[in-house]
């Protein structure tokens, strides 16, 4: 039985997706008031990873609808995709979609050489 209200935190998000504005509020409960700050730091850290890595893998690479569902294939492909994202970001690409588009237009080999990758 809960005798007193539990401390909580909330996270407000707003922005646009496509051309549509959005607003969301997520609520989180803590068991102790001293954990509130730690909880919010953890939530921010989670969303930083989600937005910078998982979103790209889900939306650009369509990882969630990948036909590879069994064995080591899903983990191996995910690792390879993360490695490619890391390389592209290390070479100055903020937009992975733009990097992929450039590679498709110029040919992967030529694009990779122009980005400084060895032949």
PDB file of N, CA and C in Angstrom:
ATOM      1  N   UNK A   1       0.838  -1.178   0.000  1.00  0.00           N
ATOM      2  CA  UNK A   1       0.000   0.000   0.000  1.00  0.00           C
ATOM      3  C   UNK A   1       0.886   1.245   0.000  1.00  0.00           C
ATOM      4  N   UNK A   2       0.590   2.175  -0.855  1.00  0.00           N
ATOM      5  CA  UNK A   2       1.348   3.418  -0.946  1.00  0.00           C
ATOM      6  C   UNK A   2       0.739   4.426   0.024  1.00  0.00           C
ATOM      7  N   UNK A   3       1.565   4.936   0.933  1.00  0.00           N
ATOM      8  CA  UNK A   3       1.064   5.857   1.951  1.00  0.00           C
ATOM      9  C   UNK A   3       1.170   7.314   1.511  1.00  0.00           C
ATOM     10  N   UNK A   4       2.165   7.623   0.703  1.00  0.00           N
ATOM     11  CA  UNK A   4       2.353   8.995   0.250  1.00  0.00           C
ATOM     12  C   UNK A   4       2.557   8.978  -1.264  1.00  0.00           C
ATOM     13  N   UNK A   5       2.265  10.083  -1.912  1.00  0.00           N
ATOM     14  CA  UNK A   5       2.487  10.121  -3.360  1.00  0.00           C
ATOM     15  C   UNK A   5       3.965   9.880  -3.683  1.00  0.00           C
ATOM     16  N   UNK A   6       4.184   9.122  -4.722  1.00  0.00           N
ATOM     17  CA  UNK A   6       5.558   8.857  -5.157  1.00  0.00           C
ATOM     18  C   UNK A   6       6.096  10.050  -5.930  1.00  0.00           C
ATOM     19  N   UNK A   7       7.389  10.330  -5.785  1.00  0.00           N
ATOM     20  CA  UNK A   7       7.989  11.373  -6.618  1.00  0.00           C
ATOM     21  C   UNK A   7       7.911  10.951  -8.084  1.00  0.00           C
ATOM     22  N   UNK A   8       7.768  11.910  -8.941  1.00  0.00           N
ATOM     23  CA  UNK A   8       7.694  11.588 -10.362  1.00  0.00           C
ATOM     24  C   UNK A   8       8.434  12.640 -11.171  1.00  0.00           C
ATOM     25  N   UNK A   9       8.668  12.316 -12.394  1.00  0.00           N
ATOM     26  CA  UNK A   9       9.251  13.251 -13.340  1.00  0.00           C
ATOM     27  C   UNK A   9       8.459  13.166 -14.627  1.00  0.00           C
ATOM     28  N   UNK A  10       8.569  14.192 -15.431  1.00  0.00           N
ATOM     29  CA  UNK A  10       7.942  14.107 -16.746  1.00  0.00           C
ATOM     30  C   UNK A  10       8.893  14.658 -17.792  1.00  0.00           C
ATOM     31  N   UNK A  11       8.710  14.179 -18.979  1.00  0.00           N
ATOM     32  CA  UNK A  11       9.547  14.585 -20.098  1.00  0.00           C
ATOM     33  C   UNK A  11       8.624  15.086 -21.192  1.00  0.00           C
ATOM     34  N   UNK A  12       8.778  16.358 -21.543  1.00  0.00           N
ATOM     35  CA  UNK A  12       7.946  16.958 -22.590  1.00  0.00           C
ATOM     36  C   UNK A  12       8.751  17.011 -23.883  1.00  0.00           C
ATOM     37  N   UNK A  13       8.129  16.553 -24.942  1.00  0.00           N
ATOM     38  CA  UNK A  13       8.776  16.585 -26.255  1.00  0.00           C
ATOM     39  C   UNK A  13       7.861  17.322 -27.221  1.00  0.00           C
ATOM     40  N   UNK A  14       8.461  18.101 -28.112  1.00  0.00           N
ATOM     41  CA  UNK A  14       7.683  18.750 -29.164  1.00  0.00           C
ATOM     42  C   UNK A  14       8.590  18.967 -30.362  1.00  0.00           C
ATOM     43  N   UNK A  15       7.980  19.107 -31.498  1.00  0.00           N
ATOM     44  CA  UNK A  15       8.735  19.323 -32.722  1.00  0.00           C
ATOM     45  C   UNK A  15       7.853  19.051 -33.920  1.00  0.00           C
ATOM     46  N   UNK A  16       8.476  18.697 -35.020  1.00  0.00           N
ATOM     47  CA  UNK A  16       7.727  18.342 -36.221  1.00  0.00           C
ATOM     48  C   UNK A  16       8.245  17.027 -36.760  1.00  0.00           C
ATOM     49  N   UNK A  17       7.342  16.257 -37.305  1.00  0.00           N
ATOM     50  CA  UNK A  17       7.679  15.029 -38.020  1.00  0.00           C
ATOM     51  C   UNK A  17       7.053  15.176 -39.387  1.00  0.00           C
ATOM     52  N   UNK A  18       7.914  15.253 -40.401  1.00  0.00           N
ATOM     53  CA  UNK A  18       7.394  15.613 -41.714  1.00  0.00           C
ATOM     54  C   UNK A  18       6.993  17.072 -41.635  1.00  0.00           C
ATOM     55  N   UNK A  19       5.760  17.365 -41.920  1.00  0.00           N
ATOM     56  CA  UNK A  19       5.255  18.736 -41.792  1.00  0.00           C
ATOM     57  C   UNK A  19       4.274  18.880 -40.641  1.00  0.00           C
ATOM     58  N   UNK A  20       4.105  17.824 -39.860  1.00  0.00           N
ATOM     59  CA  UNK A  20       3.117  17.821 -38.787  1.00  0.00           C
ATOM     60  C   UNK A  20       3.759  18.100 -37.427  1.00  0.00           C
ATOM     61  N   UNK A  21       3.241  19.095 -36.690  1.00  0.00           N
ATOM     62  CA  UNK A  21       3.756  19.334 -35.339  1.00  0.00           C
ATOM     63  C   UNK A  21       3.280  18.239 -34.379  1.00  0.00           C
ATOM     64  N   UNK A  22       4.076  17.995 -33.343  1.00  0.00           N
ATOM     65  CA  UNK A  22       3.672  17.020 -32.333  1.00  0.00           C
ATOM     66  C   UNK A  22       4.095  17.504 -30.953  1.00  0.00           C
ATOM     67  N   UNK A  23       3.375  17.039 -29.936  1.00  0.00           N
ATOM     68  CA  UNK A  23       3.706  17.279 -28.529  1.00  0.00           C
ATOM     69  C   UNK A  23       3.384  16.011 -27.771  1.00  0.00           C
ATOM     70  N   UNK A  24       4.303  15.573 -26.928  1.00  0.00           N
ATOM     71  CA  UNK A  24       4.043  14.420 -26.070  1.00  0.00           C
ATOM     72  C   UNK A  24       4.583  14.703 -24.673  1.00  0.00           C
ATOM     73  N   UNK A  25       3.989  14.065 -23.701  1.00  0.00           N
ATOM     74  CA  UNK A  25       4.481  14.118 -22.324  1.00  0.00           C
ATOM     75  C   UNK A  25       4.539  12.686 -21.817  1.00  0.00           C
ATOM     76  N   UNK A  26       5.704  12.285 -21.314  1.00  0.00           N
ATOM     77  CA  UNK A  26       5.872  10.964 -20.703  1.00  0.00           C
ATOM     78  C   UNK A  26       6.105  11.168 -19.216  1.00  0.00           C
ATOM     79  N   UNK A  27       5.467  10.339 -18.397  1.00  0.00           N
ATOM     80  CA  UNK A  27       5.601  10.431 -16.944  1.00  0.00           C
ATOM     81  C   UNK A  27       6.371   9.227 -16.414  1.00  0.00           C
ATOM     82  N   UNK A  28       7.210   9.471 -15.410  1.00  0.00           N
ATOM     83  CA  UNK A  28       8.035   8.428 -14.811  1.00  0.00           C
ATOM     84  C   UNK A  28       7.924   8.528 -13.299  1.00  0.00           C
ATOM     85  N   UNK A  29       7.776   7.384 -12.636  1.00  0.00           N
ATOM     86  CA  UNK A  29       7.699   7.334 -11.179  1.00  0.00           C
ATOM     87  C   UNK A  29       9.039   6.928 -10.588  1.00  0.00           C
ATOM     88  N   UNK A  30       9.341   7.475  -9.405  1.00  0.00           N
ATOM     89  CA  UNK A  30      10.560   7.126  -8.670  1.00  0.00           C
ATOM     90  C   UNK A  30      10.147   6.527  -7.327  1.00  0.00           C
ATOM     91  N   UNK A  31      10.979   5.667  -6.802  1.00  0.00           N
ATOM     92  CA  UNK A  31      10.672   5.126  -5.478  1.00  0.00           C
ATOM     93  C   UNK A  31      11.179   6.045  -4.367  1.00  0.00           C
ATOM     94  N   UNK A  32      12.148   6.886  -4.657  1.00  0.00           N
ATOM     95  CA  UNK A  32      12.693   7.819  -3.672  1.00  0.00           C
ATOM     96  C   UNK A  32      12.908   9.165  -4.344  1.00  0.00           C
ATOM     97  N   UNK A  33      12.704  10.231  -3.602  1.00  0.00           N
ATOM     98  CA  UNK A  33      12.855  11.559  -4.199  1.00  0.00           C
ATOM     99  C   UNK A  33      14.298  11.830  -4.617  1.00  0.00           C
ATOM    100  N   UNK A  34      15.261  11.226  -3.930  1.00  0.00           N
ATOM    101  CA  UNK A  34      16.663  11.458  -4.282  1.00  0.00           C
ATOM    102  C   UNK A  34      17.020  10.836  -5.631  1.00  0.00           C
ATOM    103  N   UNK A  35      16.147   9.955  -6.154  1.00  0.00           N
ATOM    104  CA  UNK A  35      16.428   9.311  -7.429  1.00  0.00           C
ATOM    105  C   UNK A  35      15.909  10.116  -8.622  1.00  0.00           C
ATOM    106  N   UNK A  36      15.162  11.166  -8.384  1.00  0.00           N
ATOM    107  CA  UNK A  36      14.538  11.905  -9.476  1.00  0.00           C
ATOM    108  C   UNK A  36      15.561  12.412 -10.488  1.00  0.00           C
ATOM    109  N   UNK A  37      16.618  13.034 -10.009  1.00  0.00           N
ATOM    110  CA  UNK A  37      17.634  13.583 -10.916  1.00  0.00           C
ATOM    111  C   UNK A  37      18.309  12.467 -11.701  1.00  0.00           C
ATOM    112  N   UNK A  38      18.625  11.387 -11.014  1.00  0.00           N
ATOM    113  CA  UNK A  38      19.269  10.247 -11.669  1.00  0.00           C
ATOM    114  C   UNK A  38      18.351   9.643 -12.737  1.00  0.00           C
ATOM    115  N   UNK A  39      17.076   9.573 -12.427  1.00  0.00           N
ATOM    116  CA  UNK A  39      16.100   9.051 -13.380  1.00  0.00           C
ATOM    117  C   UNK A  39      16.056   9.924 -14.634  1.00  0.00           C
ATOM    118  N   UNK A  40      15.973  11.228 -14.463  1.00  0.00           N
ATOM    119  CA  UNK A  40      15.899  12.122 -15.619  1.00  0.00           C
ATOM    120  C   UNK A  40      17.181  12.069 -16.445  1.00  0.00           C
ATOM    121  N   UNK A  41      18.335  11.952 -15.798  1.00  0.00           N
ATOM    122  CA  UNK A  41      19.586  11.802 -16.547  1.00  0.00           C
ATOM    123  C   UNK A  41      19.573  10.518 -17.370  1.00  0.00           C
ATOM    124  N   UNK A  42      19.043   9.450 -16.782  1.00  0.00           N
ATOM    125  CA  UNK A  42      18.941   8.181 -17.501  1.00  0.00           C
ATOM    126  C   UNK A  42      17.998   8.266 -18.689  1.00  0.00           C
ATOM    127  N   UNK A  43      16.882   8.968 -18.509  1.00  0.00           N
ATOM    128  CA  UNK A  43      15.913   9.132 -19.601  1.00  0.00           C
ATOM    129  C   UNK A  43      16.534   9.938 -20.734  1.00  0.00           C
ATOM    130  N   UNK A  44      17.209  11.030 -20.394  1.00  0.00           N
ATOM    131  CA  UNK A  44      17.866  11.838 -21.432  1.00  0.00           C
ATOM    132  C   UNK A  44      18.919  11.025 -22.173  1.00  0.00           C
ATOM    133  N   UNK A  45      19.688  10.244 -21.428  1.00  0.00           N
ATOM    134  CA  UNK A  45      20.700   9.394 -22.060  1.00  0.00           C
ATOM    135  C   UNK A  45      20.087   8.369 -22.988  1.00  0.00           C
ATOM    136  N   UNK A  46      18.962   7.784 -22.557  1.00  0.00           N
ATOM    137  CA  UNK A  46      18.268   6.804 -23.404  1.00  0.00           C
ATOM    138  C   UNK A  46      17.814   7.447 -24.708  1.00  0.00           C
ATOM    139  N   UNK A  47      17.186   8.619 -24.615  1.00  0.00           N
ATOM    140  CA  UNK A  47      16.662   9.251 -25.823  1.00  0.00           C
ATOM    141  C   UNK A  47      17.773   9.784 -26.705  1.00  0.00           C
ATOM    142  N   UNK A  48      18.908  10.149 -26.135  1.00  0.00           N
ATOM    143  CA  UNK A  48      20.047  10.560 -26.956  1.00  0.00           C
ATOM    144  C   UNK A  48      20.490   9.402 -27.839  1.00  0.00           C
ATOM    145  N   UNK A  49      20.607   8.218 -27.247  1.00  0.00           N
ATOM    146  CA  UNK A  49      20.975   7.028 -28.018  1.00  0.00           C
ATOM    147  C   UNK A  49      19.870   6.679 -29.005  1.00  0.00           C
ATOM    148  N   UNK A  50      18.634   6.723 -28.552  1.00  0.00           N
ATOM    149  CA  UNK A  50      17.498   6.379 -29.426  1.00  0.00           C
ATOM    150  C   UNK A  50      17.456   7.286 -30.650  1.00  0.00           C
ATOM    151  N   UNK A  51      17.638   8.583 -30.435  1.00  0.00           N
ATOM    152  CA  UNK A  51      17.540   9.522 -31.549  1.00  0.00           C
ATOM    153  C   UNK A  51      18.758   9.496 -32.457  1.00  0.00           C
ATOM    154  N   UNK A  52      19.935   9.247 -31.913  1.00  0.00           N
ATOM    155  CA  UNK A  52      21.134   9.309 -32.745  1.00  0.00           C
ATOM    156  C   UNK A  52      21.503   7.988 -33.392  1.00  0.00           C
ATOM    157  N   UNK A  53      21.034   6.871 -32.866  1.00  0.00           N
ATOM    158  CA  UNK A  53      21.417   5.574 -33.427  1.00  0.00           C
ATOM    159  C   UNK A  53      20.210   4.745 -33.835  1.00  0.00           C
ATOM    160  N   UNK A  54      19.354   4.425 -32.890  1.00  0.00           N
ATOM    161  CA  UNK A  54      18.264   3.499 -33.181  1.00  0.00           C
ATOM    162  C   UNK A  54      17.263   4.065 -34.178  1.00  0.00           C
ATOM    163  N   UNK A  55      16.975   5.358 -34.090  1.00  0.00           N
ATOM    164  CA  UNK A  55      16.033   5.948 -35.032  1.00  0.00           C
ATOM    165  C   UNK A  55      16.568   5.818 -36.446  1.00  0.00           C
ATOM    166  N   UNK A  56      17.851   6.111 -36.628  1.00  0.00           N
ATOM    167  CA  UNK A  56      18.459   5.997 -37.958  1.00  0.00           C
ATOM    168  C   UNK A  56      18.376   4.562 -38.450  1.00  0.00           C
ATOM    169  N   UNK A  57      18.701   3.612 -37.576  1.00  0.00           N
ATOM    170  CA  UNK A  57      18.662   2.204 -37.992  1.00  0.00           C
ATOM    171  C   UNK A  57      17.240   1.752 -38.291  1.00  0.00           C
ATOM    172  N   UNK A  58      16.265   2.256 -37.547  1.00  0.00           N
ATOM    173  CA  UNK A  58      14.871   1.872 -37.783  1.00  0.00           C
ATOM    174  C   UNK A  58      14.312   2.521 -39.049  1.00  0.00           C
ATOM    175  N   UNK A  59      14.552   3.818 -39.222  1.00  0.00           N
ATOM    176  CA  UNK A  59      13.925   4.558 -40.320  1.00  0.00           C
ATOM    177  C   UNK A  59      14.717   4.448 -41.617  1.00  0.00           C
ATOM    178  N   UNK A  60      16.014   4.696 -41.563  1.00  0.00           N
ATOM    179  CA  UNK A  60      16.822   4.686 -42.783  1.00  0.00           C
ATOM    180  C   UNK A  60      17.105   3.263 -43.243  1.00  0.00           C
ATOM    181  N   UNK A  61      17.523   2.415 -42.339  1.00  0.00           N
ATOM    182  CA  UNK A  61      17.863   1.032 -42.699  1.00  0.00           C
ATOM    183  C   UNK A  61      16.678   0.069 -42.599  1.00  0.00           C
ATOM    184  N   UNK A  62      15.533   0.557 -42.103  1.00  0.00           N
ATOM    185  CA  UNK A  62      14.326  -0.270 -41.939  1.00  0.00           C
ATOM    186  C   UNK A  62      14.633  -1.554 -41.161  1.00  0.00           C
ATOM    187  N   UNK A  63      15.409  -1.409 -40.101  1.00  0.00           N
ATOM    188  CA  UNK A  63      15.859  -2.568 -39.342  1.00  0.00           C
ATOM    189  C   UNK A  63      14.703  -3.339 -38.693  1.00  0.00           C
ATOM    190  N   UNK A  64      13.656  -2.630 -38.297  1.00  0.00           N
ATOM    191  CA  UNK A  64      12.538  -3.310 -37.634  1.00  0.00           C
ATOM    192  C   UNK A  64      11.763  -4.239 -38.559  1.00  0.00           C
ATOM    193  N   UNK A  65      11.829  -4.002 -39.870  1.00  0.00           N
ATOM    194  CA  UNK A  65      11.106  -4.873 -40.810  1.00  0.00           C
ATOM    195  C   UNK A  65      12.060  -5.764 -41.597  1.00  0.00           C
ATOM    196  N   UNK A  66      13.272  -5.908 -41.100  1.00  0.00           N
ATOM    197  CA  UNK A  66      14.269  -6.749 -41.762  1.00  0.00           C
ATOM    198  C   UNK A  66      13.800  -8.203 -41.804  1.00  0.00           C
ATOM    199  N   UNK A  67      14.030  -8.888 -42.936  1.00  0.00           N
ATOM    200  CA  UNK A  67      13.625 -10.297 -43.017  1.00  0.00           C
ATOM    201  C   UNK A  67      14.542 -11.227 -42.214  1.00  0.00           C
ATOM    202  N   UNK A  68      15.717 -10.750 -41.810  1.00  0.00           N
ATOM    203  CA  UNK A  68      16.639 -11.579 -41.038  1.00  0.00           C
ATOM    204  C   UNK A  68      16.190 -11.576 -39.582  1.00  0.00           C
ATOM    205  N   UNK A  69      15.593 -12.676 -39.150  1.00  0.00           N
ATOM    206  CA  UNK A  69      15.028 -12.744 -37.800  1.00  0.00           C
ATOM    207  C   UNK A  69      15.624 -13.843 -36.938  1.00  0.00           C
ATOM    208  N   UNK A  70      16.438 -14.734 -37.518  1.00  0.00           N
ATOM    209  CA  UNK A  70      16.904 -15.871 -36.724  1.00  0.00           C
ATOM    210  C   UNK A  70      18.417 -16.013 -36.807  1.00  0.00           C
ATOM    211  N   UNK A  71      18.943 -16.791 -35.887  1.00  0.00           N
ATOM    212  CA  UNK A  71      20.379 -17.044 -35.856  1.00  0.00           C
ATOM    213  C   UNK A  71      21.156 -15.789 -35.496  1.00  0.00           C
ATOM    214  N   UNK A  72      22.364 -15.699 -36.037  1.00  0.00           N
ATOM    215  CA  UNK A  72      23.235 -14.561 -35.751  1.00  0.00           C
ATOM    216  C   UNK A  72      23.058 -13.421 -36.748  1.00  0.00           C
ATOM    217  N   UNK A  73      22.291 -13.633 -37.809  1.00  0.00           N
ATOM    218  CA  UNK A  73      22.139 -12.619 -38.859  1.00  0.00           C
ATOM    219  C   UNK A  73      21.662 -11.266 -38.333  1.00  0.00           C
ATOM    220  N   UNK A  74      20.611 -11.191 -37.502  1.00  0.00           N
ATOM    221  CA  UNK A  74      20.158  -9.877 -37.042  1.00  0.00           C
ATOM    222  C   UNK A  74      21.231  -9.110 -36.267  1.00  0.00           C
ATOM    223  N   UNK A  75      21.940  -9.793 -35.378  1.00  0.00           N
ATOM    224  CA  UNK A  75      22.983  -9.118 -34.595  1.00  0.00           C
ATOM    225  C   UNK A  75      24.156  -8.700 -35.479  1.00  0.00           C
ATOM    226  N   UNK A  76      24.546  -9.574 -36.406  1.00  0.00           N
ATOM    227  CA  UNK A  76      25.661  -9.246 -37.296  1.00  0.00           C
ATOM    228  C   UNK A  76      25.320  -8.064 -38.196  1.00  0.00           C
ATOM    229  N   UNK A  77      24.118  -8.057 -38.764  1.00  0.00           N
ATOM    230  CA  UNK A  77      23.711  -6.941 -39.615  1.00  0.00           C
ATOM    231  C   UNK A  77      23.600  -5.650 -38.815  1.00  0.00           C
ATOM    232  N   UNK A  78      23.076  -5.731 -37.596  1.00  0.00           N
ATOM    233  CA  UNK A  78      22.973  -4.553 -36.749  1.00  0.00           C
ATOM    234  C   UNK A  78      24.355  -3.991 -36.425  1.00  0.00           C
ATOM    235  N   UNK A  79      25.291  -4.868 -36.123  1.00  0.00           N
ATOM    236  CA  UNK A  79      26.665  -4.445 -35.850  1.00  0.00           C
ATOM    237  C   UNK A  79      27.282  -3.775 -37.072  1.00  0.00           C
ATOM    238  N   UNK A  80      27.077  -4.358 -38.243  1.00  0.00           N
ATOM    239  CA  UNK A  80      27.609  -3.788 -39.482  1.00  0.00           C
ATOM    240  C   UNK A  80      26.996  -2.416 -39.756  1.00  0.00           C
ATOM    241  N   UNK A  81      25.697  -2.278 -39.552  1.00  0.00           N
ATOM    242  CA  UNK A  81      25.028  -0.993 -39.771  1.00  0.00           C
ATOM    243  C   UNK A  81      25.540   0.065 -38.799  1.00  0.00           C
ATOM    244  N   UNK A  82      25.747  -0.309 -37.543  1.00  0.00           N
ATOM    245  CA  UNK A  82      26.287   0.627 -36.559  1.00  0.00           C
ATOM    246  C   UNK A  82      27.695   1.056 -36.945  1.00  0.00           C
ATOM    247  N   UNK A  83      28.500   0.124 -37.430  1.00  0.00           N
ATOM    248  CA  UNK A  83      29.867   0.430 -37.869  1.00  0.00           C
ATOM    249  C   UNK A  83      29.842   1.426 -39.023  1.00  0.00           C
ATOM    250  N   UNK A  84      28.962   1.207 -40.000  1.00  0.00           N
ATOM    251  CA  UNK A  84      28.852   2.121 -41.140  1.00  0.00           C
ATOM    252  C   UNK A  84      28.414   3.507 -40.666  1.00  0.00           C
ATOM    253  N   UNK A  85      27.424   3.576 -39.777  1.00  0.00           N
ATOM    254  CA  UNK A  85      26.987   4.868 -39.239  1.00  0.00           C
ATOM    255  C   UNK A  85      28.132   5.593 -38.543  1.00  0.00           C
ATOM    256  N   UNK A  86      28.904   4.860 -37.763  1.00  0.00           N
ATOM    257  CA  UNK A  86      30.039   5.450 -37.054  1.00  0.00           C
ATOM    258  C   UNK A  86      31.065   6.005 -38.033  1.00  0.00           C
ATOM    259  N   UNK A  87      31.380   5.239 -39.076  1.00  0.00           N
ATOM    260  CA  UNK A  87      32.337   5.706 -40.085  1.00  0.00           C
ATOM    261  C   UNK A  87      31.836   6.954 -40.802  1.00  0.00           C
ATOM    262  N   UNK A  88      30.578   6.955 -41.203  1.00  0.00           N
ATOM    263  CA  UNK A  88      30.034   8.117 -41.908  1.00  0.00           C
ATOM    264  C   UNK A  88      30.033   9.349 -41.014  1.00  0.00           C
ATOM    265  N   UNK A  89      29.655   9.189 -39.754  1.00  0.00           N
ATOM    266  CA  UNK A  89      29.666  10.337 -38.841  1.00  0.00           C
ATOM    267  C   UNK A  89      31.090  10.814 -38.572  1.00  0.00           C
ATOM    268  N   UNK A  90      32.030   9.884 -38.492  1.00  0.00           N
ATOM    269  CA  UNK A  90      33.433  10.257 -38.274  1.00  0.00           C
ATOM    270  C   UNK A  90      33.990  11.036 -39.463  1.00  0.00           C
ATOM    271  N   UNK A  91      33.393  10.844 -40.639  1.00  0.00           N
ATOM    272  CA  UNK A  91      33.837  11.560 -41.834  1.00  0.00           C
ATOM    273  C   UNK A  91      32.970  12.782 -42.119  1.00  0.00           C
ATOM    274  N   UNK A  92      32.251  13.252 -41.097  1.00  0.00           N
ATOM    275  CA  UNK A  92      31.576  14.537 -41.190  1.00  0.00           C
ATOM    276  C   UNK A  92      30.140  14.529 -41.664  1.00  0.00           C
ATOM    277  N   UNK A  93      29.533  13.383 -41.833  1.00  0.00           N
ATOM    278  CA  UNK A  93      28.143  13.348 -42.272  1.00  0.00           C
ATOM    279  C   UNK A  93      27.216  13.399 -41.068  1.00  0.00           C
ATOM    280  N   UNK A  94      26.415  14.463 -40.990  1.00  0.00           N
ATOM    281  CA  UNK A  94      25.371  14.527 -39.973  1.00  0.00           C
ATOM    282  C   UNK A  94      24.126  13.806 -40.472  1.00  0.00           C
ATOM    283  N   UNK A  95      23.897  13.875 -41.780  1.00  0.00           N
ATOM    284  CA  UNK A  95      22.731  13.233 -42.384  1.00  0.00           C
ATOM    285  C   UNK A  95      23.155  11.922 -43.038  1.00  0.00           C
ATOM    286  N   UNK A  96      22.758  10.832 -42.435  1.00  0.00           N
ATOM    287  CA  UNK A  96      23.085   9.514 -42.979  1.00  0.00           C
ATOM    288  C   UNK A  96      22.342   9.303 -44.289  1.00  0.00           C
ATOM    289  N   UNK A  97      21.132   9.822 -44.367  1.00  0.00           N
ATOM    290  CA  UNK A  97      20.351   9.709 -45.601  1.00  0.00           C
ATOM    291  C   UNK A  97      21.083  10.401 -46.756  1.00  0.00           C
ATOM    292  N   UNK A  98      21.666  11.569 -46.500  1.00  0.00           N
ATOM    293  CA  UNK A  98      22.417  12.284 -47.535  1.00  0.00           C
ATOM    294  C   UNK A  98      23.656  11.495 -47.946  1.00  0.00           C
ATOM    295  N   UNK A  99      24.338  10.881 -46.988  1.00  0.00           N
ATOM    296  CA  UNK A  99      25.530  10.082 -47.301  1.00  0.00           C
ATOM    297  C   UNK A  99      25.162   8.881 -48.161  1.00  0.00           C
ATOM    298  N   UNK A 100      24.072   8.211 -47.812  1.00  0.00           N
ATOM    299  CA  UNK A 100      23.635   7.050 -48.590  1.00  0.00           C
ATOM    300  C   UNK A 100      23.215   7.485 -49.986  1.00  0.00           C
ATOM    301  N   UNK A 101      22.506   8.604 -50.080  1.00  0.00           N
ATOM    302  CA  UNK A 101      22.075   9.120 -51.379  1.00  0.00           C
ATOM    303  C   UNK A 101      23.281   9.453 -52.253  1.00  0.00           C
ATOM    304  N   UNK A 102      24.291  10.094 -51.658  1.00  0.00           N
ATOM    305  CA  UNK A 102      25.510  10.426 -52.405  1.00  0.00           C
ATOM    306  C   UNK A 102      26.210   9.161 -52.884  1.00  0.00           C
ATOM    307  N   UNK A 103      26.291   8.163 -52.023  1.00  0.00           N
ATOM    308  CA  UNK A 103      26.939   6.904 -52.403  1.00  0.00           C
ATOM    309  C   UNK A 103      26.182   6.220 -53.537  1.00  0.00           C
ATOM    310  N   UNK A 104      24.864   6.307 -53.527  1.00  0.00           N
ATOM    311  CA  UNK A 104      24.072   5.683 -54.588  1.00  0.00           C
ATOM    312  C   UNK A 104      24.239   6.427 -55.907  1.00  0.00           C
ATOM    313  N   UNK A 105      24.340   7.746 -55.852  1.00  0.00           N
ATOM    314  CA  UNK A 105      24.473   8.540 -57.069  1.00  0.00           C
ATOM    315  C   UNK A 105      25.861   8.411 -57.685  1.00  0.00           C
ATOM    316  N   UNK A 106      26.885   8.411 -56.871  1.00  0.00           N
ATOM    317  CA  UNK A 106      28.257   8.405 -57.375  1.00  0.00           C
ATOM    318  C   UNK A 106      28.836   7.009 -57.494  1.00  0.00           C
ATOM    319  N   UNK A 107      28.202   6.049 -56.911  1.00  0.00           N
ATOM    320  CA  UNK A 107      28.777   4.713 -56.817  1.00  0.00           C
ATOM    321  C   UNK A 107      29.497   4.608 -55.492  1.00  0.00           C
ATOM    322  N   UNK A 108      29.322   3.510 -54.813  1.00  0.00           N
ATOM    323  CA  UNK A 108      29.867   3.362 -53.467  1.00  0.00           C
ATOM    324  C   UNK A 108      31.380   3.512 -53.436  1.00  0.00           C
ATOM    325  N   UNK A 109      32.077   2.884 -54.380  1.00  0.00           N
ATOM    326  CA  UNK A 109      33.542   2.953 -54.389  1.00  0.00           C
ATOM    327  C   UNK A 109      34.051   4.370 -54.554  1.00  0.00           C
ATOM    328  N   UNK A 110      33.495   5.103 -55.517  1.00  0.00           N
ATOM    329  CA  UNK A 110      33.928   6.481 -55.758  1.00  0.00           C
ATOM    330  C   UNK A 110      33.585   7.381 -54.574  1.00  0.00           C
ATOM    331  N   UNK A 111      32.387   7.213 -54.021  1.00  0.00           N
ATOM    332  CA  UNK A 111      31.990   8.013 -52.862  1.00  0.00           C
ATOM    333  C   UNK A 111      32.908   7.734 -51.679  1.00  0.00           C
ATOM    334  N   UNK A 112      33.199   6.468 -51.421  1.00  0.00           N
ATOM    335  CA  UNK A 112      34.068   6.104 -50.294  1.00  0.00           C
ATOM    336  C   UNK A 112      35.457   6.707 -50.457  1.00  0.00           C
ATOM    337  N   UNK A 113      36.001   6.669 -51.674  1.00  0.00           N
ATOM    338  CA  UNK A 113      37.326   7.273 -51.908  1.00  0.00           C
ATOM    339  C   UNK A 113      37.286   8.782 -51.679  1.00  0.00           C
ATOM    340  N   UNK A 114      36.207   9.441 -52.109  1.00  0.00           N
ATOM    341  CA  UNK A 114      36.117  10.891 -51.925  1.00  0.00           C
ATOM    342  C   UNK A 114      35.958  11.266 -50.452  1.00  0.00           C
ATOM    343  N   UNK A 115      35.458  10.331 -49.640  1.00  0.00           N
ATOM    344  CA  UNK A 115      35.321  10.579 -48.208  1.00  0.00           C
ATOM    345  C   UNK A 115      36.610  10.266 -47.460  1.00  0.00           C
ATOM    346  N   UNK A 116      37.625   9.792 -48.167  1.00  0.00           N
ATOM    347  CA  UNK A 116      38.910   9.520 -47.537  1.00  0.00           C
ATOM    348  C   UNK A 116      39.151   8.085 -47.152  1.00  0.00           C
ATOM    349  N   UNK A 117      38.263   7.168 -47.544  1.00  0.00           N
ATOM    350  CA  UNK A 117      38.494   5.755 -47.264  1.00  0.00           C
ATOM    351  C   UNK A 117      39.521   5.218 -48.253  1.00  0.00           C
ATOM    352  N   UNK A 118      40.390   4.321 -47.822  1.00  0.00           N
ATOM    353  CA  UNK A 118      41.397   3.776 -48.746  1.00  0.00           C
ATOM    354  C   UNK A 118      40.736   2.916 -49.826  1.00  0.00           C
ATOM    355  N   UNK A 119      41.398   2.820 -51.007  1.00  0.00           N
ATOM    356  CA  UNK A 119      40.828   2.015 -52.103  1.00  0.00           C
ATOM    357  C   UNK A 119      40.811   0.537 -51.778  1.00  0.00           C
TER     358      UNK A 119
END
